[in-house]
Amino acid sequence: MRKPGTGGIYELNDHLFEGRYSPTNAQGKREVHTVYAKTKEECEALLEQMIAEVRERIKEEKQQMTKERRSK
């Protein structure tokens, strides 16, 4: 069992794993991000990297939205 907010890893067939992360974006809508890999370990590493990148992008978008609201 994985902790909440860490995505999920699924075995699609003998040679392919899918990592999926579905955060809520800055506008409050759910968005799905997916990575694929040949091994579970490789998929775990790609998923971890992708989650960090997506979280950073969402954080920046929220900050930008806050700045825009303050400047009005």
PDB file of N, CA and C in Angstrom:
ATOM      1  N   MET A   1       0.845  -1.187   0.000  1.00  0.00           N
ATOM      2  CA  MET A   1       0.000   0.000   0.000  1.00  0.00           C
ATOM      3  C   MET A   1       0.888   1.246   0.000  1.00  0.00           C
ATOM      4  N   ARG A   2       0.548   2.190  -0.867  1.00  0.00           N
ATOM      5  CA  ARG A   2       1.319   3.424  -0.971  1.00  0.00           C
ATOM      6  C   ARG A   2       0.660   4.521  -0.148  1.00  0.00           C
ATOM      7  N   LYS A   3       1.461   5.487   0.252  1.00  0.00           N
ATOM      8  CA  LYS A   3       0.944   6.633   0.998  1.00  0.00           C
ATOM      9  C   LYS A   3       0.156   7.539   0.055  1.00  0.00           C
ATOM     10  N   PRO A   4      -0.847   8.253   0.571  1.00  0.00           N
ATOM     11  CA  PRO A   4      -1.587   9.195  -0.260  1.00  0.00           C
ATOM     12  C   PRO A   4      -0.658  10.271  -0.837  1.00  0.00           C
ATOM     13  N   GLY A   5      -0.901  10.625  -2.098  1.00  0.00           N
ATOM     14  CA  GLY A   5      -0.108  11.668  -2.743  1.00  0.00           C
ATOM     15  C   GLY A   5       1.169  11.177  -3.384  1.00  0.00           C
ATOM     16  N   THR A   6       1.385   9.840  -3.417  1.00  0.00           N
ATOM     17  CA  THR A   6       2.614   9.309  -4.013  1.00  0.00           C
ATOM     18  C   THR A   6       2.353   8.568  -5.311  1.00  0.00           C
ATOM     19  N   GLY A   7       1.151   8.669  -5.845  1.00  0.00           N
ATOM     20  CA  GLY A   7       0.836   8.017  -7.106  1.00  0.00           C
ATOM     21  C   GLY A   7       0.627   6.530  -6.945  1.00  0.00           C
ATOM     22  N   GLY A   8       0.540   5.843  -8.073  1.00  0.00           N
ATOM     23  CA  GLY A   8       0.346   4.400  -8.062  1.00  0.00           C
ATOM     24  C   GLY A   8       1.132   3.750  -9.170  1.00  0.00           C
ATOM     25  N   ILE A   9       1.513   2.486  -8.958  1.00  0.00           N
ATOM     26  CA  ILE A   9       2.237   1.732  -9.974  1.00  0.00           C
ATOM     27  C   ILE A   9       1.416   0.488 -10.294  1.00  0.00           C
ATOM     28  N   TYR A  10       1.234   0.246 -11.580  1.00  0.00           N
ATOM     29  CA  TYR A  10       0.425  -0.862 -12.048  1.00  0.00           C
ATOM     30  C   TYR A  10       1.202  -1.671 -13.082  1.00  0.00           C
ATOM     31  N   GLU A  11       1.107  -2.983 -13.008  1.00  0.00           N
ATOM     32  CA  GLU A  11       1.753  -3.838 -13.995  1.00  0.00           C
ATOM     33  C   GLU A  11       0.765  -4.070 -15.129  1.00  0.00           C
ATOM     34  N   LEU A  12       1.107  -3.581 -16.320  1.00  0.00           N
ATOM     35  CA  LEU A  12       0.210  -3.703 -17.464  1.00  0.00           C
ATOM     36  C   LEU A  12       0.331  -5.075 -18.118  1.00  0.00           C
ATOM     37  N   ASN A  13       1.569  -5.573 -18.222  1.00  0.00           N
ATOM     38  CA  ASN A  13       1.820  -6.931 -18.705  1.00  0.00           C
ATOM     39  C   ASN A  13       3.196  -7.366 -18.194  1.00  0.00           C
ATOM     40  N   ASP A  14       3.727  -8.446 -18.682  1.00  0.00           N
ATOM     41  CA  ASP A  14       4.996  -8.971 -18.175  1.00  0.00           C
ATOM     42  C   ASP A  14       6.175  -8.026 -18.378  1.00  0.00           C
ATOM     43  N   HIS A  15       6.055  -7.106 -19.323  1.00  0.00           N
ATOM     44  CA  HIS A  15       7.193  -6.264 -19.685  1.00  0.00           C
ATOM     45  C   HIS A  15       6.931  -4.770 -19.570  1.00  0.00           C
ATOM     46  N   LEU A  16       5.844  -4.372 -18.905  1.00  0.00           N
ATOM     47  CA  LEU A  16       5.534  -2.944 -18.861  1.00  0.00           C
ATOM     48  C   LEU A  16       4.811  -2.567 -17.572  1.00  0.00           C
ATOM     49  N   PHE A  17       5.322  -1.516 -16.938  1.00  0.00           N
ATOM     50  CA  PHE A  17       4.707  -0.971 -15.730  1.00  0.00           C
ATOM     51  C   PHE A  17       4.277   0.457 -16.019  1.00  0.00           C
ATOM     52  N   GLU A  18       3.180   0.861 -15.390  1.00  0.00           N
ATOM     53  CA  GLU A  18       2.660   2.214 -15.540  1.00  0.00           C
ATOM     54  C   GLU A  18       2.657   2.888 -14.173  1.00  0.00           C
ATOM     55  N   GLY A  19       3.195   4.119 -14.130  1.00  0.00           N
ATOM     56  CA  GLY A  19       3.127   4.925 -12.921  1.00  0.00           C
ATOM     57  C   GLY A  19       2.178   6.077 -13.178  1.00  0.00           C
ATOM     58  N   ARG A  20       1.244   6.294 -12.262  1.00  0.00           N
ATOM     59  CA  ARG A  20       0.231   7.325 -12.485  1.00  0.00           C
ATOM     60  C   ARG A  20       0.120   8.221 -11.257  1.00  0.00           C
ATOM     61  N   TYR A  21      -0.002   9.528 -11.516  1.00  0.00           N
ATOM     62  CA  TYR A  21      -0.146  10.535 -10.465  1.00  0.00           C
ATOM     63  C   TYR A  21      -1.262  11.480 -10.888  1.00  0.00           C
ATOM     64  N   SER A  22      -2.235  11.716 -10.021  1.00  0.00           N
ATOM     65  CA  SER A  22      -3.409  12.535 -10.357  1.00  0.00           C
ATOM     66  C   SER A  22      -3.623  13.648  -9.332  1.00  0.00           C
ATOM     67  N   PRO A  23      -2.842  14.717  -9.409  1.00  0.00           N
ATOM     68  CA  PRO A  23      -3.022  15.813  -8.445  1.00  0.00           C
ATOM     69  C   PRO A  23      -4.124  16.774  -8.883  1.00  0.00           C
ATOM     70  N   THR A  24      -4.496  17.668  -7.979  1.00  0.00           N
ATOM     71  CA  THR A  24      -5.393  18.764  -8.301  1.00  0.00           C
ATOM     72  C   THR A  24      -4.516  19.944  -8.700  1.00  0.00           C
ATOM     73  N   ASN A  25      -4.771  20.521  -9.870  1.00  0.00           N
ATOM     74  CA  ASN A  25      -3.924  21.614 -10.348  1.00  0.00           C
ATOM     75  C   ASN A  25      -4.283  22.933  -9.674  1.00  0.00           C
ATOM     76  N   ALA A  26      -3.637  24.008 -10.078  1.00  0.00           N
ATOM     77  CA  ALA A  26      -3.830  25.317  -9.455  1.00  0.00           C
ATOM     78  C   ALA A  26      -5.250  25.846  -9.645  1.00  0.00           C
ATOM     79  N   GLN A  27      -5.928  25.402 -10.697  1.00  0.00           N
ATOM     80  CA  GLN A  27      -7.295  25.848 -10.956  1.00  0.00           C
ATOM     81  C   GLN A  27      -8.325  24.963 -10.245  1.00  0.00           C
ATOM     82  N   GLY A  28      -7.867  23.960  -9.488  1.00  0.00           N
ATOM     83  CA  GLY A  28      -8.767  23.094  -8.739  1.00  0.00           C
ATOM     84  C   GLY A  28      -9.289  21.897  -9.508  1.00  0.00           C
ATOM     85  N   LYS A  29      -8.719  21.631 -10.680  1.00  0.00           N
ATOM     86  CA  LYS A  29      -9.158  20.500 -11.492  1.00  0.00           C
ATOM     87  C   LYS A  29      -8.143  19.365 -11.402  1.00  0.00           C
ATOM     88  N   ARG A  30      -8.639  18.142 -11.476  1.00  0.00           N
ATOM     89  CA  ARG A  30      -7.795  16.948 -11.417  1.00  0.00           C
ATOM     90  C   ARG A  30      -7.090  16.773 -12.759  1.00  0.00           C
ATOM     91  N   GLU A  31      -5.793  16.497 -12.735  1.00  0.00           N
ATOM     92  CA  GLU A  31      -5.044  16.219 -13.958  1.00  0.00           C
ATOM     93  C   GLU A  31      -4.261  14.925 -13.764  1.00  0.00           C
ATOM     94  N   VAL A  32      -4.133  14.138 -14.827  1.00  0.00           N
ATOM     95  CA  VAL A  32      -3.478  12.832 -14.736  1.00  0.00           C
ATOM     96  C   VAL A  32      -2.139  12.884 -15.463  1.00  0.00           C
ATOM     97  N   HIS A  33      -1.111  12.366 -14.798  1.00  0.00           N
ATOM     98  CA  HIS A  33       0.229  12.281 -15.382  1.00  0.00           C
ATOM     99  C   HIS A  33       0.659  10.820 -15.324  1.00  0.00           C
ATOM    100  N   THR A  34       1.260  10.330 -16.414  1.00  0.00           N
ATOM    101  CA  THR A  34       1.596   8.917 -16.515  1.00  0.00           C
ATOM    102  C   THR A  34       3.018   8.736 -17.019  1.00  0.00           C
ATOM    103  N   VAL A  35       3.712   7.738 -16.461  1.00  0.00           N
ATOM    104  CA  VAL A  35       5.024   7.325 -16.956  1.00  0.00           C
ATOM    105  C   VAL A  35       4.979   5.817 -17.168  1.00  0.00           C
ATOM    106  N   TYR A  36       5.822   5.322 -18.081  1.00  0.00           N
ATOM    107  CA  TYR A  36       5.898   3.899 -18.367  1.00  0.00           C
ATOM    108  C   TYR A  36       7.345   3.442 -18.254  1.00  0.00           C
ATOM    109  N   ALA A  37       7.553   2.198 -17.806  1.00  0.00           N
ATOM    110  CA  ALA A  37       8.899   1.658 -17.681  1.00  0.00           C
ATOM    111  C   ALA A  37       8.850   0.133 -17.806  1.00  0.00           C
ATOM    112  N   LYS A  38      10.015  -0.458 -18.073  1.00  0.00           N
ATOM    113  CA  LYS A  38      10.101  -1.908 -18.249  1.00  0.00           C
ATOM    114  C   LYS A  38      10.198  -2.661 -16.925  1.00  0.00           C
ATOM    115  N   THR A  39      10.670  -1.984 -15.872  1.00  0.00           N
ATOM    116  CA  THR A  39      10.765  -2.642 -14.560  1.00  0.00           C
ATOM    117  C   THR A  39      10.041  -1.792 -13.521  1.00  0.00           C
ATOM    118  N   LYS A  40       9.645  -2.435 -12.434  1.00  0.00           N
ATOM    119  CA  LYS A  40       8.945  -1.724 -11.368  1.00  0.00           C
ATOM    120  C   LYS A  40       9.857  -0.694 -10.721  1.00  0.00           C
ATOM    121  N   GLU A  41      11.130  -1.040 -10.543  1.00  0.00           N
ATOM    122  CA  GLU A  41      12.086  -0.122  -9.923  1.00  0.00           C
ATOM    123  C   GLU A  41      12.293   1.122 -10.786  1.00  0.00           C
ATOM    124  N   GLU A  42      12.421   0.920 -12.091  1.00  0.00           N
ATOM    125  CA  GLU A  42      12.587   2.042 -13.015  1.00  0.00           C
ATOM    126  C   GLU A  42      11.335   2.920 -13.011  1.00  0.00           C
ATOM    127  N   CYS A  43      10.178   2.291 -12.966  1.00  0.00           N
ATOM    128  CA  CYS A  43       8.913   3.025 -12.933  1.00  0.00           C
ATOM    129  C   CYS A  43       8.810   3.844 -11.645  1.00  0.00           C
ATOM    130  N   GLU A  44       9.236   3.262 -10.535  1.00  0.00           N
ATOM    131  CA  GLU A  44       9.221   3.969  -9.243  1.00  0.00           C
ATOM    132  C   GLU A  44      10.081   5.229  -9.308  1.00  0.00           C
ATOM    133  N   ALA A  45      11.273   5.113  -9.897  1.00  0.00           N
ATOM    134  CA  ALA A  45      12.183   6.255 -10.011  1.00  0.00           C
ATOM    135  C   ALA A  45      11.598   7.338 -10.922  1.00  0.00           C
ATOM    136  N   LEU A  46      11.044   6.928 -12.066  1.00  0.00           N
ATOM    137  CA  LEU A  46      10.444   7.895 -12.989  1.00  0.00           C
ATOM    138  C   LEU A  46       9.237   8.587 -12.368  1.00  0.00           C
ATOM    139  N   LEU A  47       8.427   7.825 -11.642  1.00  0.00           N
ATOM    140  CA  LEU A  47       7.247   8.381 -10.989  1.00  0.00           C
ATOM    141  C   LEU A  47       7.649   9.410  -9.936  1.00  0.00           C
ATOM    142  N   GLU A  48       8.644   9.080  -9.152  1.00  0.00           N
ATOM    143  CA  GLU A  48       9.117   9.997  -8.108  1.00  0.00           C
ATOM    144  C   GLU A  48       9.604  11.316  -8.715  1.00  0.00           C
ATOM    145  N   GLN A  49      10.366  11.216  -9.803  1.00  0.00           N
ATOM    146  CA  GLN A  49      10.888  12.401 -10.488  1.00  0.00           C
ATOM    147  C   GLN A  49       9.738  13.227 -11.073  1.00  0.00           C
ATOM    148  N   MET A  50       8.782  12.552 -11.707  1.00  0.00           N
ATOM    149  CA  MET A  50       7.655  13.243 -12.319  1.00  0.00           C
ATOM    150  C   MET A  50       6.795  13.940 -11.262  1.00  0.00           C
ATOM    151  N   ILE A  51       6.569  13.297 -10.121  1.00  0.00           N
ATOM    152  CA  ILE A  51       5.771  13.899  -9.049  1.00  0.00           C
ATOM    153  C   ILE A  51       6.437  15.182  -8.554  1.00  0.00           C
ATOM    154  N   ALA A  52       7.757  15.148  -8.382  1.00  0.00           N
ATOM    155  CA  ALA A  52       8.476  16.338  -7.920  1.00  0.00           C
ATOM    156  C   ALA A  52       8.324  17.481  -8.925  1.00  0.00           C
ATOM    157  N   GLU A  53       8.439  17.175 -10.215  1.00  0.00           N
ATOM    158  CA  GLU A  53       8.313  18.200 -11.249  1.00  0.00           C
ATOM    159  C   GLU A  53       6.900  18.775 -11.305  1.00  0.00           C
ATOM    160  N   VAL A  54       5.893  17.916 -11.215  1.00  0.00           N
ATOM    161  CA  VAL A  54       4.497  18.367 -11.282  1.00  0.00           C
ATOM    162  C   VAL A  54       4.155  19.216 -10.061  1.00  0.00           C
ATOM    163  N   ARG A  55       4.582  18.783  -8.878  1.00  0.00           N
ATOM    164  CA  ARG A  55       4.314  19.559  -7.664  1.00  0.00           C
ATOM    165  C   ARG A  55       4.940  20.944  -7.748  1.00  0.00           C
ATOM    166  N   GLU A  56       6.156  21.022  -8.273  1.00  0.00           N
ATOM    167  CA  GLU A  56       6.837  22.315  -8.408  1.00  0.00           C
ATOM    168  C   GLU A  56       6.086  23.212  -9.388  1.00  0.00           C
ATOM    169  N   ARG A  57       5.636  22.648 -10.505  1.00  0.00           N
ATOM    170  CA  ARG A  57       4.902  23.434 -11.498  1.00  0.00           C
ATOM    171  C   ARG A  57       3.586  23.952 -10.910  1.00  0.00           C
ATOM    172  N   ILE A  58       2.865  23.103 -10.194  1.00  0.00           N
ATOM    173  CA  ILE A  58       1.597  23.519  -9.585  1.00  0.00           C
ATOM    174  C   ILE A  58       1.843  24.604  -8.544  1.00  0.00           C
ATOM    175  N   LYS A  59       2.908  24.456  -7.768  1.00  0.00           N
ATOM    176  CA  LYS A  59       3.250  25.465  -6.757  1.00  0.00           C
ATOM    177  C   LYS A  59       3.517  26.818  -7.416  1.00  0.00           C
ATOM    178  N   GLU A  60       4.279  26.807  -8.518  1.00  0.00           N
ATOM    179  CA  GLU A  60       4.572  28.044  -9.241  1.00  0.00           C
ATOM    180  C   GLU A  60       3.303  28.666  -9.818  1.00  0.00           C
ATOM    181  N   GLU A  61       2.401  27.827 -10.357  1.00  0.00           N
ATOM    182  CA  GLU A  61       1.151  28.344 -10.907  1.00  0.00           C
ATOM    183  C   GLU A  61       0.305  28.991  -9.815  1.00  0.00           C
ATOM    184  N   LYS A  62       0.246  28.376  -8.637  1.00  0.00           N
ATOM    185  CA  LYS A  62      -0.521  28.948  -7.530  1.00  0.00           C
ATOM    186  C   LYS A  62       0.064  30.283  -7.093  1.00  0.00           C
ATOM    187  N   GLN A  63       1.411  30.373  -7.041  1.00  0.00           N
ATOM    188  CA  GLN A  63       2.053  31.628  -6.671  1.00  0.00           C
ATOM    189  C   GLN A  63       1.750  32.703  -7.704  1.00  0.00           C
ATOM    190  N   GLN A  64       1.777  32.346  -8.977  1.00  0.00           N
ATOM    191  CA  GLN A  64       1.489  33.296 -10.051  1.00  0.00           C
ATOM    192  C   GLN A  64       0.050  33.795  -9.947  1.00  0.00           C
ATOM    193  N   MET A  65      -0.884  32.877  -9.661  1.00  0.00           N
ATOM    194  CA  MET A  65      -2.285  33.269  -9.515  1.00  0.00           C
ATOM    195  C   MET A  65      -2.454  34.220  -8.335  1.00  0.00           C
ATOM    196  N   THR A  66      -1.738  33.981  -7.244  1.00  0.00           N
ATOM    197  CA  THR A  66      -1.808  34.840  -6.065  1.00  0.00           C
ATOM    198  C   THR A  66      -1.289  36.238  -6.391  1.00  0.00           C
ATOM    199  N   LYS A  67      -0.179  36.303  -7.124  1.00  0.00           N
ATOM    200  CA  LYS A  67       0.385  37.600  -7.520  1.00  0.00           C
ATOM    201  C   LYS A  67      -0.588  38.365  -8.404  1.00  0.00           C
ATOM    202  N   GLU A  68      -1.233  37.667  -9.321  1.00  0.00           N
ATOM    203  CA  GLU A  68      -2.185  38.319 -10.235  1.00  0.00           C
ATOM    204  C   GLU A  68      -3.378  38.873  -9.461  1.00  0.00           C
ATOM    205  N   ARG A  69      -3.867  38.133  -8.471  1.00  0.00           N
ATOM    206  CA  ARG A  69      -5.000  38.594  -7.672  1.00  0.00           C
ATOM    207  C   ARG A  69      -4.628  39.829  -6.862  1.00  0.00           C
ATOM    208  N   ARG A  70      -3.418  39.839  -6.321  1.00  0.00           N
ATOM    209  CA  ARG A  70      -2.977  40.967  -5.486  1.00  0.00           C
ATOM    210  C   ARG A  70      -2.784  42.231  -6.320  1.00  0.00           C
ATOM    211  N   SER A  71      -2.380  42.071  -7.581  1.00  0.00           N
ATOM    212  CA  SER A  71      -2.096  43.242  -8.406  1.00  0.00           C
ATOM    213  C   SER A  71      -3.366  43.900  -8.955  1.00  0.00           C
ATOM    214  N   LYS A  72      -4.515  43.254  -8.811  1.00  0.00           N
ATOM    215  CA  LYS A  72      -5.779  43.824  -9.327  1.00  0.00           C
ATOM    216  C   LYS A  72      -6.379  44.817  -8.379  1.00  0.00           C
TER     217      LYS A  72
END
